[in-house]
PDB file of all heavy atoms in Angstrom:
ATOM      1  N   LEU A   1       8.895  42.914  18.690  1.00  0.00           N
ATOM      2  CA  LEU A   1       8.387  41.682  18.107  1.00  0.00           C
ATOM      3  C   LEU A   1       9.541  40.820  17.588  1.00  0.00           C
ATOM      4  O   LEU A   1       9.311  39.626  17.160  1.00  0.00           O
ATOM      5  CB  LEU A   1       7.447  41.889  16.977  1.00  0.00           C
ATOM      6  CG  LEU A   1       6.066  42.592  17.443  1.00  0.00           C
ATOM      7  CD1 LEU A   1       5.342  43.028  16.113  1.00  0.00           C
ATOM      8  CD2 LEU A   1       5.258  41.575  18.268  1.00  0.00           C
ATOM      9  N   HIS A   2      10.724  41.344  17.637  1.00  0.00           N
ATOM     10  CA  HIS A   2      11.965  40.705  17.170  1.00  0.00           C
ATOM     11  C   HIS A   2      11.791  40.320  15.718  1.00  0.00           C
ATOM     12  O   HIS A   2      12.202  39.223  15.294  1.00  0.00           O
ATOM     13  CB  HIS A   2      12.211  39.350  17.971  1.00  0.00           C
ATOM     14  CG  HIS A   2      12.466  39.579  19.370  1.00  0.00           C
ATOM     15  ND1 HIS A   2      13.537  40.351  19.935  1.00  0.00           N
ATOM     16  CD2 HIS A   2      11.485  39.345  20.496  1.00  0.00           C
ATOM     17  CE1 HIS A   2      13.437  40.346  21.291  1.00  0.00           C
ATOM     18  NE2 HIS A   2      12.215  39.932  21.569  1.00  0.00           N
ATOM     19  N   LEU A   3      11.304  41.262  14.877  1.00  0.00           N
ATOM     20  CA  LEU A   3      11.139  40.993  13.522  1.00  0.00           C
ATOM     21  C   LEU A   3      12.258  41.845  12.744  1.00  0.00           C
ATOM     22  O   LEU A   3      12.429  42.924  13.082  1.00  0.00           O
ATOM     23  CB  LEU A   3       9.773  41.549  12.939  1.00  0.00           C
ATOM     24  CG  LEU A   3       8.546  40.670  13.516  1.00  0.00           C
ATOM     25  CD1 LEU A   3       7.292  41.293  13.103  1.00  0.00           C
ATOM     26  CD2 LEU A   3       8.663  39.298  13.005  1.00  0.00           C
ATOM     27  N   ASP A   4      12.890  41.123  11.935  1.00  0.00           N
ATOM     28  CA  ASP A   4      13.941  41.939  10.976  1.00  0.00           C
ATOM     29  C   ASP A   4      13.221  42.607   9.959  1.00  0.00           C
ATOM     30  O   ASP A   4      12.105  42.332   9.474  1.00  0.00           O
ATOM     31  CB  ASP A   4      14.841  40.889  10.411  1.00  0.00           C
ATOM     32  CG  ASP A   4      15.814  40.139  11.588  1.00  0.00           C
ATOM     33  OD1 ASP A   4      16.048  40.756  12.473  1.00  0.00           O
ATOM     34  OD2 ASP A   4      16.050  38.958  11.202  1.00  0.00           O
ATOM     35  N   TYR A   5      13.815  43.663   9.479  1.00  0.00           N
ATOM     36  CA  TYR A   5      13.364  44.422   8.380  1.00  0.00           C
ATOM     37  C   TYR A   5      14.559  45.129   7.683  1.00  0.00           C
ATOM     38  O   TYR A   5      15.604  45.244   8.130  1.00  0.00           O
ATOM     39  CB  TYR A   5      12.416  45.582   8.935  1.00  0.00           C
ATOM     40  CG  TYR A   5      12.998  46.522   9.807  1.00  0.00           C
ATOM     41  CD1 TYR A   5      13.533  47.721   9.306  1.00  0.00           C
ATOM     42  CD2 TYR A   5      12.921  46.306  11.224  1.00  0.00           C
ATOM     43  CE1 TYR A   5      14.109  48.729  10.245  1.00  0.00           C
ATOM     44  CE2 TYR A   5      13.461  47.226  12.101  1.00  0.00           C
ATOM     45  CZ  TYR A   5      14.029  48.392  11.556  1.00  0.00           C
ATOM     46  OH  TYR A   5      14.598  49.365  12.404  1.00  0.00           O
ATOM     47  N   THR A   6      14.282  45.562   6.451  1.00  0.00           N
ATOM     48  CA  THR A   6      15.240  46.241   5.508  1.00  0.00           C
ATOM     49  C   THR A   6      14.555  47.366   4.937  1.00  0.00           C
ATOM     50  O   THR A   6      13.326  47.315   4.615  1.00  0.00           O
ATOM     51  CB  THR A   6      15.870  45.345   4.426  1.00  0.00           C
ATOM     52  OG1 THR A   6      14.792  44.733   3.580  1.00  0.00           O
ATOM     53  CG2 THR A   6      16.650  44.114   5.153  1.00  0.00           C
ATOM     54  N   LEU A   7      15.383  48.401   4.600  1.00  0.00           N
ATOM     55  CA  LEU A   7      14.900  49.622   3.888  1.00  0.00           C
ATOM     56  C   LEU A   7      15.003  49.168   2.477  1.00  0.00           C
ATOM     57  O   LEU A   7      16.023  48.903   1.960  1.00  0.00           O
ATOM     58  CB  LEU A   7      15.816  50.683   4.250  1.00  0.00           C
ATOM     59  CG  LEU A   7      15.295  52.023   3.454  1.00  0.00           C
ATOM     60  CD1 LEU A   7      13.942  52.528   3.986  1.00  0.00           C
ATOM     61  CD2 LEU A   7      16.320  53.181   3.862  1.00  0.00           C
ATOM     62  N   SER A   8      13.864  49.093   1.743  1.00  0.00           N
ATOM     63  CA  SER A   8      13.745  48.637   0.387  1.00  0.00           C
ATOM     64  C   SER A   8      13.516  49.793  -0.671  1.00  0.00           C
ATOM     65  O   SER A   8      13.606  49.512  -1.876  1.00  0.00           O
ATOM     66  CB  SER A   8      12.707  47.586   0.240  1.00  0.00           C
ATOM     67  OG  SER A   8      12.994  46.479   1.049  1.00  0.00           O
ATOM     68  N   GLY A   9      13.311  50.916  -0.173  1.00  0.00           N
ATOM     69  CA  GLY A   9      13.061  52.111  -1.023  1.00  0.00           C
ATOM     70  C   GLY A   9      13.136  53.279  -0.173  1.00  0.00           C
ATOM     71  O   GLY A   9      12.537  53.389   0.977  1.00  0.00           O
ATOM     72  N   ASP A  10      13.842  54.387  -0.749  1.00  0.00           N
ATOM     73  CA  ASP A  10      13.857  55.639   0.084  1.00  0.00           C
ATOM     74  C   ASP A  10      14.194  56.754  -0.941  1.00  0.00           C
ATOM     75  O   ASP A  10      15.371  56.847  -1.475  1.00  0.00           O
ATOM     76  CB  ASP A  10      14.963  55.551   1.143  1.00  0.00           C
ATOM     77  CG  ASP A  10      14.962  56.804   1.998  1.00  0.00           C
ATOM     78  OD1 ASP A  10      14.509  57.838   1.572  1.00  0.00           O
ATOM     79  OD2 ASP A  10      15.382  56.689   3.245  1.00  0.00           O
ATOM     80  N   LEU A  11      13.276  57.521  -1.147  1.00  0.00           N
ATOM     81  CA  LEU A  11      13.436  58.610  -2.074  1.00  0.00           C
ATOM     82  C   LEU A  11      14.444  59.665  -1.857  1.00  0.00           C
ATOM     83  O   LEU A  11      15.206  60.169  -2.574  1.00  0.00           O
ATOM     84  CB  LEU A  11      12.186  59.298  -2.503  1.00  0.00           C
ATOM     85  CG  LEU A  11      11.061  58.524  -3.209  1.00  0.00           C
ATOM     86  CD1 LEU A  11       9.799  59.392  -3.392  1.00  0.00           C
ATOM     87  CD2 LEU A  11      11.552  57.936  -4.433  1.00  0.00           C
ATOM     88  N   THR A  12      14.587  59.797  -0.464  1.00  0.00           N
ATOM     89  CA  THR A  12      15.735  60.776   0.068  1.00  0.00           C
ATOM     90  C   THR A  12      17.162  60.224  -0.173  1.00  0.00           C
ATOM     91  O   THR A  12      18.036  60.958  -0.183  1.00  0.00           O
ATOM     92  CB  THR A  12      15.495  61.085   1.571  1.00  0.00           C
ATOM     93  OG1 THR A  12      15.714  59.889   2.421  1.00  0.00           O
ATOM     94  CG2 THR A  12      14.094  61.568   1.921  1.00  0.00           C
ATOM     95  N   LYS A  13      17.187  58.891  -0.378  1.00  0.00           N
ATOM     96  CA  LYS A  13      18.566  58.401  -0.767  1.00  0.00           C
ATOM     97  C   LYS A  13      18.701  57.895  -2.107  1.00  0.00           C
ATOM     98  O   LYS A  13      19.560  57.169  -2.502  1.00  0.00           O
ATOM     99  CB  LYS A  13      18.734  57.022   0.246  1.00  0.00           C
ATOM    100  CG  LYS A  13      18.841  57.558   1.733  1.00  0.00           C
ATOM    101  CD  LYS A  13      19.017  56.346   2.575  1.00  0.00           C
ATOM    102  CE  LYS A  13      19.094  56.831   4.053  1.00  0.00           C
ATOM    103  NZ  LYS A  13      19.232  55.760   4.896  1.00  0.00           N
ATOM    104  N   GLY A  14      17.691  58.265  -3.022  1.00  0.00           N
ATOM    105  CA  GLY A  14      17.698  57.836  -4.382  1.00  0.00           C
ATOM    106  C   GLY A  14      17.409  56.415  -4.636  1.00  0.00           C
ATOM    107  O   GLY A  14      17.686  55.882  -5.657  1.00  0.00           O
ATOM    108  N   LEU A  15      16.832  55.837  -3.713  1.00  0.00           N
ATOM    109  CA  LEU A  15      16.318  54.411  -3.905  1.00  0.00           C
ATOM    110  C   LEU A  15      14.926  54.264  -4.236  1.00  0.00           C
ATOM    111  O   LEU A  15      13.929  54.759  -3.565  1.00  0.00           O
ATOM    112  CB  LEU A  15      16.472  53.508  -2.638  1.00  0.00           C
ATOM    113  CG  LEU A  15      17.909  53.492  -1.988  1.00  0.00           C
ATOM    114  CD1 LEU A  15      17.870  52.913  -0.685  1.00  0.00           C
ATOM    115  CD2 LEU A  15      18.836  52.674  -2.879  1.00  0.00           C
ATOM    116  N   GLU A  16      14.587  53.786  -5.457  1.00  0.00           N
ATOM    117  CA  GLU A  16      13.225  53.666  -5.997  1.00  0.00           C
ATOM    118  C   GLU A  16      12.323  52.927  -4.983  1.00  0.00           C
ATOM    119  O   GLU A  16      12.674  51.910  -4.413  1.00  0.00           O
ATOM    120  CB  GLU A  16      13.272  53.076  -7.397  1.00  0.00           C
ATOM    121  CG  GLU A  16      11.919  52.949  -8.049  1.00  0.00           C
ATOM    122  CD  GLU A  16      11.938  52.391  -9.438  1.00  0.00           C
ATOM    123  OE1 GLU A  16      13.061  52.441 -10.115  1.00  0.00           O
ATOM    124  OE2 GLU A  16      10.985  51.904  -9.918  1.00  0.00           O
ATOM    125  N   ILE A  17      10.992  53.307  -4.945  1.00  0.00           N
ATOM    126  CA  ILE A  17      10.064  52.671  -4.161  1.00  0.00           C
ATOM    127  C   ILE A  17       9.180  51.832  -4.972  1.00  0.00           C
ATOM    128  O   ILE A  17       8.544  52.292  -5.809  1.00  0.00           O
ATOM    129  CB  ILE A  17       9.273  53.644  -3.361  1.00  0.00           C
ATOM    130  CG1 ILE A  17      10.173  54.386  -2.333  1.00  0.00           C
ATOM    131  CG2 ILE A  17       8.154  53.010  -2.503  1.00  0.00           C
ATOM    132  CD1 ILE A  17       9.557  55.606  -1.622  1.00  0.00           C
ATOM    133  N   PRO A  18       9.191  50.480  -4.720  1.00  0.00           N
ATOM    134  CA  PRO A  18       8.233  49.664  -5.504  1.00  0.00           C
ATOM    135  C   PRO A  18       6.728  50.097  -5.279  1.00  0.00           C
ATOM    136  O   PRO A  18       6.400  50.551  -4.183  1.00  0.00           O
ATOM    137  CB  PRO A  18       8.396  48.296  -4.857  1.00  0.00           C
ATOM    138  CG  PRO A  18       9.749  48.268  -4.207  1.00  0.00           C
ATOM    139  CD  PRO A  18       9.937  49.730  -3.788  1.00  0.00           C
ATOM    140  N   LYS A  19       5.931  49.972  -6.332  1.00  0.00           N
ATOM    141  CA  LYS A  19       4.603  50.280  -6.128  1.00  0.00           C
ATOM    142  C   LYS A  19       3.774  49.224  -5.325  1.00  0.00           C
ATOM    143  O   LYS A  19       4.192  48.033  -5.194  1.00  0.00           O
ATOM    144  CB  LYS A  19       3.877  50.299  -7.448  1.00  0.00           C
ATOM    145  CG  LYS A  19       4.356  51.343  -8.366  1.00  0.00           C
ATOM    146  CD  LYS A  19       3.622  51.163  -9.694  1.00  0.00           C
ATOM    147  CE  LYS A  19       4.086  52.345 -10.655  1.00  0.00           C
ATOM    148  NZ  LYS A  19       3.471  52.324 -11.916  1.00  0.00           N
ATOM    149  N   PRO A  20       2.854  49.684  -4.419  1.00  0.00           N
ATOM    150  CA  PRO A  20       1.989  48.743  -3.785  1.00  0.00           C
ATOM    151  C   PRO A  20       1.351  47.752  -4.679  1.00  0.00           C
ATOM    152  O   PRO A  20       0.915  48.032  -5.798  1.00  0.00           O
ATOM    153  CB  PRO A  20       0.902  49.666  -3.044  1.00  0.00           C
ATOM    154  CG  PRO A  20       1.552  50.907  -3.155  1.00  0.00           C
ATOM    155  CD  PRO A  20       2.362  51.103  -4.223  1.00  0.00           C
ATOM    156  N   ARG A  21       1.223  46.500  -4.282  1.00  0.00           N
ATOM    157  CA  ARG A  21       0.579  45.410  -5.107  1.00  0.00           C
ATOM    158  C   ARG A  21      -0.840  45.214  -4.885  1.00  0.00           C
ATOM    159  O   ARG A  21      -1.506  44.862  -5.808  1.00  0.00           O
ATOM    160  CB  ARG A  21       1.365  44.169  -4.885  1.00  0.00           C
ATOM    161  CG  ARG A  21       2.794  44.174  -5.187  1.00  0.00           C
ATOM    162  CD  ARG A  21       3.404  42.723  -4.787  1.00  0.00           C
ATOM    163  NE  ARG A  21       4.894  42.868  -4.890  1.00  0.00           N
ATOM    164  CZ  ARG A  21       5.637  42.090  -4.373  1.00  0.00           C
ATOM    165  NH1 ARG A  21       5.249  41.045  -3.665  1.00  0.00           N
ATOM    166  NH2 ARG A  21       6.992  42.149  -4.545  1.00  0.00           N
ATOM    167  N   LEU A  22      -1.349  45.551  -3.774  1.00  0.00           N
ATOM    168  CA  LEU A  22      -2.594  45.186  -3.419  1.00  0.00           C
ATOM    169  C   LEU A  22      -3.691  46.277  -3.314  1.00  0.00           C
ATOM    170  O   LEU A  22      -4.799  45.968  -3.100  1.00  0.00           O
ATOM    171  CB  LEU A  22      -2.710  44.354  -1.976  1.00  0.00           C
ATOM    172  CG  LEU A  22      -1.669  43.154  -1.882  1.00  0.00           C
ATOM    173  CD1 LEU A  22      -1.932  42.442  -0.550  1.00  0.00           C
ATOM    174  CD2 LEU A  22      -2.238  42.079  -2.959  1.00  0.00           C
ATOM    175  N   SER A  23      -3.225  47.443  -3.485  1.00  0.00           N
ATOM    176  CA  SER A  23      -4.118  48.590  -3.475  1.00  0.00           C
ATOM    177  C   SER A  23      -3.677  49.685  -4.495  1.00  0.00           C
ATOM    178  O   SER A  23      -2.498  49.924  -4.400  1.00  0.00           O
ATOM    179  CB  SER A  23      -4.288  49.139  -2.020  1.00  0.00           C
ATOM    180  OG  SER A  23      -5.178  50.297  -2.093  1.00  0.00           O
ATOM    181  N   ASN A  24      -4.639  50.360  -5.055  1.00  0.00           N
ATOM    182  CA  ASN A  24      -4.360  51.582  -5.915  1.00  0.00           C
ATOM    183  C   ASN A  24      -4.787  52.853  -5.193  1.00  0.00           C
ATOM    184  O   ASN A  24      -4.738  53.877  -5.694  1.00  0.00           O
ATOM    185  CB  ASN A  24      -4.908  51.376  -7.275  1.00  0.00           C
ATOM    186  CG  ASN A  24      -6.440  51.319  -7.200  1.00  0.00           C
ATOM    187  OD1 ASN A  24      -7.085  51.322  -6.139  1.00  0.00           O
ATOM    188  ND2 ASN A  24      -7.021  51.145  -8.371  1.00  0.00           N
ATOM    189  N   ARG A  25      -5.086  52.680  -3.924  1.00  0.00           N
ATOM    190  CA  ARG A  25      -5.517  53.841  -3.118  1.00  0.00           C
ATOM    191  C   ARG A  25      -4.296  54.661  -2.560  1.00  0.00           C
ATOM    192  O   ARG A  25      -4.577  55.797  -1.979  1.00  0.00           O
ATOM    193  CB  ARG A  25      -6.486  53.460  -2.064  1.00  0.00           C
ATOM    194  CG  ARG A  25      -7.835  52.959  -2.801  1.00  0.00           C
ATOM    195  CD  ARG A  25      -8.834  52.386  -1.815  1.00  0.00           C
ATOM    196  NE  ARG A  25      -8.810  52.983  -0.473  1.00  0.00           N
ATOM    197  CZ  ARG A  25      -9.575  52.606   0.531  1.00  0.00           C
ATOM    198  NH1 ARG A  25     -10.110  51.422   0.470  1.00  0.00           N
ATOM    199  NH2 ARG A  25      -9.510  53.088   1.706  1.00  0.00           N
ATOM    200  N   ILE A  26      -3.164  54.264  -2.636  1.00  0.00           N
ATOM    201  CA  ILE A  26      -1.983  54.901  -2.209  1.00  0.00           C
ATOM    202  C   ILE A  26      -1.324  55.717  -3.192  1.00  0.00           C
ATOM    203  O   ILE A  26      -1.035  55.225  -4.272  1.00  0.00           O
ATOM    204  CB  ILE A  26      -0.837  53.812  -1.649  1.00  0.00           C
ATOM    205  CG1 ILE A  26      -1.486  52.960  -0.523  1.00  0.00           C
ATOM    206  CG2 ILE A  26       0.349  54.642  -1.153  1.00  0.00           C
ATOM    207  CD1 ILE A  26      -1.977  53.621   0.693  1.00  0.00           C
ATOM    208  N   LYS A  27      -1.127  56.976  -3.012  1.00  0.00           N
ATOM    209  CA  LYS A  27      -0.723  58.013  -3.901  1.00  0.00           C
ATOM    210  C   LYS A  27       0.826  57.855  -3.959  1.00  0.00           C
ATOM    211  O   LYS A  27       1.548  58.170  -2.941  1.00  0.00           O
ATOM    212  CB  LYS A  27      -1.100  59.344  -3.661  1.00  0.00           C
ATOM    213  CG  LYS A  27      -2.621  59.640  -3.896  1.00  0.00           C
ATOM    214  CD  LYS A  27      -3.033  61.029  -3.472  1.00  0.00           C
ATOM    215  CE  LYS A  27      -4.513  61.272  -3.478  1.00  0.00           C
ATOM    216  NZ  LYS A  27      -4.856  62.570  -3.055  1.00  0.00           N
ATOM    217  N   GLU A  28       1.433  57.508  -5.059  1.00  0.00           N
ATOM    218  CA  GLU A  28       2.859  57.291  -5.179  1.00  0.00           C
ATOM    219  C   GLU A  28       3.710  58.528  -4.663  1.00  0.00           C
ATOM    220  O   GLU A  28       4.668  58.397  -4.019  1.00  0.00           O
ATOM    221  CB  GLU A  28       3.311  56.941  -6.591  1.00  0.00           C
ATOM    222  CG  GLU A  28       2.887  55.503  -6.976  1.00  0.00           C
ATOM    223  CD  GLU A  28       3.297  55.224  -8.316  1.00  0.00           C
ATOM    224  OE1 GLU A  28       4.448  55.441  -8.671  1.00  0.00           O
ATOM    225  OE2 GLU A  28       2.464  54.723  -9.175  1.00  0.00           O
ATOM    226  N   GLY A  29       3.245  59.679  -5.090  1.00  0.00           N
ATOM    227  CA  GLY A  29       3.810  60.938  -4.669  1.00  0.00           C
ATOM    228  C   GLY A  29       3.881  61.141  -3.254  1.00  0.00           C
ATOM    229  O   GLY A  29       4.808  62.059  -2.738  1.00  0.00           O
ATOM    230  N   ASP A  30       3.045  60.516  -2.433  1.00  0.00           N
ATOM    231  CA  ASP A  30       3.023  60.745  -0.853  1.00  0.00           C
ATOM    232  C   ASP A  30       3.946  59.944  -0.281  1.00  0.00           C
ATOM    233  O   ASP A  30       4.338  60.080   0.849  1.00  0.00           O
ATOM    234  CB  ASP A  30       1.590  60.493  -0.509  1.00  0.00           C
ATOM    235  CG  ASP A  30       0.606  61.589  -0.900  1.00  0.00           C
ATOM    236  OD1 ASP A  30       1.070  62.643  -1.462  1.00  0.00           O
ATOM    237  OD2 ASP A  30      -0.512  61.241  -0.811  1.00  0.00           O
ATOM    238  N   ILE A  31       4.511  58.748  -0.870  1.00  0.00           N
ATOM    239  CA  ILE A  31       5.279  57.785  -0.215  1.00  0.00           C
ATOM    240  C   ILE A  31       6.819  58.173  -0.401  1.00  0.00           C
ATOM    241  O   ILE A  31       7.218  58.431  -1.466  1.00  0.00           O
ATOM    242  CB  ILE A  31       5.061  56.293  -0.814  1.00  0.00           C
ATOM    243  CG1 ILE A  31       3.587  55.965  -0.597  1.00  0.00           C
ATOM    244  CG2 ILE A  31       5.830  55.400  -0.220  1.00  0.00           C
ATOM    245  CD1 ILE A  31       3.028  56.051   0.866  1.00  0.00           C
ATOM    246  N   VAL A  32       7.476  58.146   0.682  1.00  0.00           N
ATOM    247  CA  VAL A  32       8.984  58.497   0.620  1.00  0.00           C
ATOM    248  C   VAL A  32       9.873  57.224   1.045  1.00  0.00           C
ATOM    249  O   VAL A  32      11.062  57.247   0.589  1.00  0.00           O
ATOM    250  CB  VAL A  32       9.328  59.680   1.486  1.00  0.00           C
ATOM    251  CG1 VAL A  32       8.714  60.907   0.945  1.00  0.00           C
ATOM    252  CG2 VAL A  32       8.978  59.412   2.900  1.00  0.00           C
ATOM    253  N   ARG A  33       9.322  56.335   1.700  1.00  0.00           N
ATOM    254  CA  ARG A  33      10.160  55.047   2.143  1.00  0.00           C
ATOM    255  C   ARG A  33       9.316  53.791   2.082  1.00  0.00           C
ATOM    256  O   ARG A  33       8.005  53.928   2.323  1.00  0.00           O
ATOM    257  CB  ARG A  33      10.625  55.388   3.602  1.00  0.00           C
ATOM    258  CG  ARG A  33      12.040  55.880   3.559  1.00  0.00           C
ATOM    259  CD  ARG A  33      12.583  55.932   5.040  1.00  0.00           C
ATOM    260  NE  ARG A  33      11.770  56.870   5.914  1.00  0.00           N
ATOM    261  CZ  ARG A  33      11.689  58.200   5.779  1.00  0.00           C
ATOM    262  NH1 ARG A  33      12.262  58.787   4.750  1.00  0.00           N
ATOM    263  NH2 ARG A  33      11.041  58.906   6.626  1.00  0.00           N
ATOM    264  N   MET A  34       9.873  52.636   2.001  1.00  0.00           N
ATOM    265  CA  MET A  34       9.294  51.426   1.968  1.00  0.00           C
ATOM    266  C   MET A  34      10.189  50.428   2.651  1.00  0.00           C
ATOM    267  O   MET A  34      11.476  50.476   2.362  1.00  0.00           O
ATOM    268  CB  MET A  34       8.885  50.998   0.649  1.00  0.00           C
ATOM    269  CG  MET A  34       7.869  49.828   0.621  1.00  0.00           C
ATOM    270  SD  MET A  34       8.474  48.090   0.782  1.00  0.00           S
ATOM    271  CE  MET A  34       9.255  47.939  -0.790  1.00  0.00           C
ATOM    272  N   TYR A  35       9.707  49.674   3.636  1.00  0.00           N
ATOM    273  CA  TYR A  35      10.576  48.678   4.353  1.00  0.00           C
ATOM    274  C   TYR A  35       9.792  47.375   4.040  1.00  0.00           C
ATOM    275  O   TYR A  35       8.669  47.164   3.719  1.00  0.00           O
ATOM    276  CB  TYR A  35      10.440  48.885   5.969  1.00  0.00           C
ATOM    277  CG  TYR A  35      10.980  50.091   6.382  1.00  0.00           C
ATOM    278  CD1 TYR A  35      10.196  51.347   6.535  1.00  0.00           C
ATOM    279  CD2 TYR A  35      12.286  50.081   6.776  1.00  0.00           C
ATOM    280  CE1 TYR A  35      10.806  52.342   7.165  1.00  0.00           C
ATOM    281  CE2 TYR A  35      12.850  51.222   7.350  1.00  0.00           C
ATOM    282  CZ  TYR A  35      12.241  52.373   7.506  1.00  0.00           C
ATOM    283  OH  TYR A  35      12.711  53.494   8.070  1.00  0.00           O
ATOM    284  N   GLN A  36      10.753  46.320   3.924  1.00  0.00           N
ATOM    285  CA  GLN A  36      10.366  45.012   4.024  1.00  0.00           C
ATOM    286  C   GLN A  36      10.526  44.326   5.332  1.00  0.00           C
ATOM    287  O   GLN A  36      11.569  44.410   5.795  1.00  0.00           O
ATOM    288  CB  GLN A  36      11.086  44.074   2.928  1.00  0.00           C
ATOM    289  CG  GLN A  36      10.554  44.321   1.573  1.00  0.00           C
ATOM    290  CD  GLN A  36      10.864  43.148   0.560  1.00  0.00           C
ATOM    291  OE1 GLN A  36      10.068  43.009  -0.420  1.00  0.00           O
ATOM    292  NE2 GLN A  36      11.787  42.321   0.857  1.00  0.00           N
ATOM    293  N   VAL A  37       9.475  43.754   5.939  1.00  0.00           N
ATOM    294  CA  VAL A  37       9.544  43.212   7.177  1.00  0.00           C
ATOM    295  C   VAL A  37       9.388  41.587   7.033  1.00  0.00           C
ATOM    296  O   VAL A  37       8.726  41.059   6.384  1.00  0.00           O
ATOM    297  CB  VAL A  37       8.361  43.587   8.103  1.00  0.00           C
ATOM    298  CG1 VAL A  37       8.400  42.950   9.408  1.00  0.00           C
ATOM    299  CG2 VAL A  37       8.450  45.093   8.254  1.00  0.00           C
ATOM    300  N   TYR A  38      10.358  40.970   7.695  1.00  0.00           N
ATOM    301  CA  TYR A  38      10.469  39.488   7.627  1.00  0.00           C
ATOM    302  C   TYR A  38       9.821  38.796   8.828  1.00  0.00           C
ATOM    303  O   TYR A  38      10.319  38.949   9.825  1.00  0.00           O
ATOM    304  CB  TYR A  38      11.919  39.134   7.415  1.00  0.00           C
ATOM    305  CG  TYR A  38      12.539  39.799   6.188  1.00  0.00           C
ATOM    306  CD1 TYR A  38      13.302  41.006   6.402  1.00  0.00           C
ATOM    307  CD2 TYR A  38      12.373  39.406   4.948  1.00  0.00           C
ATOM    308  CE1 TYR A  38      13.778  41.704   5.428  1.00  0.00           C
ATOM    309  CE2 TYR A  38      12.824  40.182   3.872  1.00  0.00           C
ATOM    310  CZ  TYR A  38      13.618  41.286   4.029  1.00  0.00           C
ATOM    311  OH  TYR A  38      14.039  41.850   2.966  1.00  0.00           O
ATOM    312  N   GLY A  39       8.739  38.210   8.467  1.00  0.00           N
ATOM    313  CA  GLY A  39       8.042  37.388   9.621  1.00  0.00           C
ATOM    314  C   GLY A  39       8.486  35.992   9.606  1.00  0.00           C
ATOM    315  O   GLY A  39       9.615  35.717   9.129  1.00  0.00           O
ATOM    316  N   GLY A  40       7.792  35.060  10.219  1.00  0.00           N
ATOM    317  CA  GLY A  40       8.246  33.824  10.318  1.00  0.00           C
ATOM    318  C   GLY A  40       8.176  32.953   9.015  1.00  0.00           C
ATOM    319  O   GLY A  40       7.624  33.379   8.065  1.00  0.00           O
ATOM    320  N   VAL A  41       8.608  31.688   9.096  1.00  0.00           N
ATOM    321  CA  VAL A  41       8.677  30.850   7.904  1.00  0.00           C
ATOM    322  C   VAL A  41       7.757  29.696   8.292  1.00  0.00           C
ATOM    323  O   VAL A  41       7.788  29.207   9.417  1.00  0.00           O
ATOM    324  CB  VAL A  41      10.063  30.355   7.655  1.00  0.00           C
ATOM    325  CG1 VAL A  41      10.009  29.282   6.572  1.00  0.00           C
ATOM    326  CG2 VAL A  41      10.964  31.403   7.199  1.00  0.00           C
TER     327      VAL A  41
END
């Protein structure tokens, strides 16, 4: 899709993972990585 992204959190690299903003159904302990994907402007 030619979308840029960055790794914004990774527990295996000691990078804190921001909490999801729109749902509380995701268990924090289950998440190990978070990416930010940059779409159009």
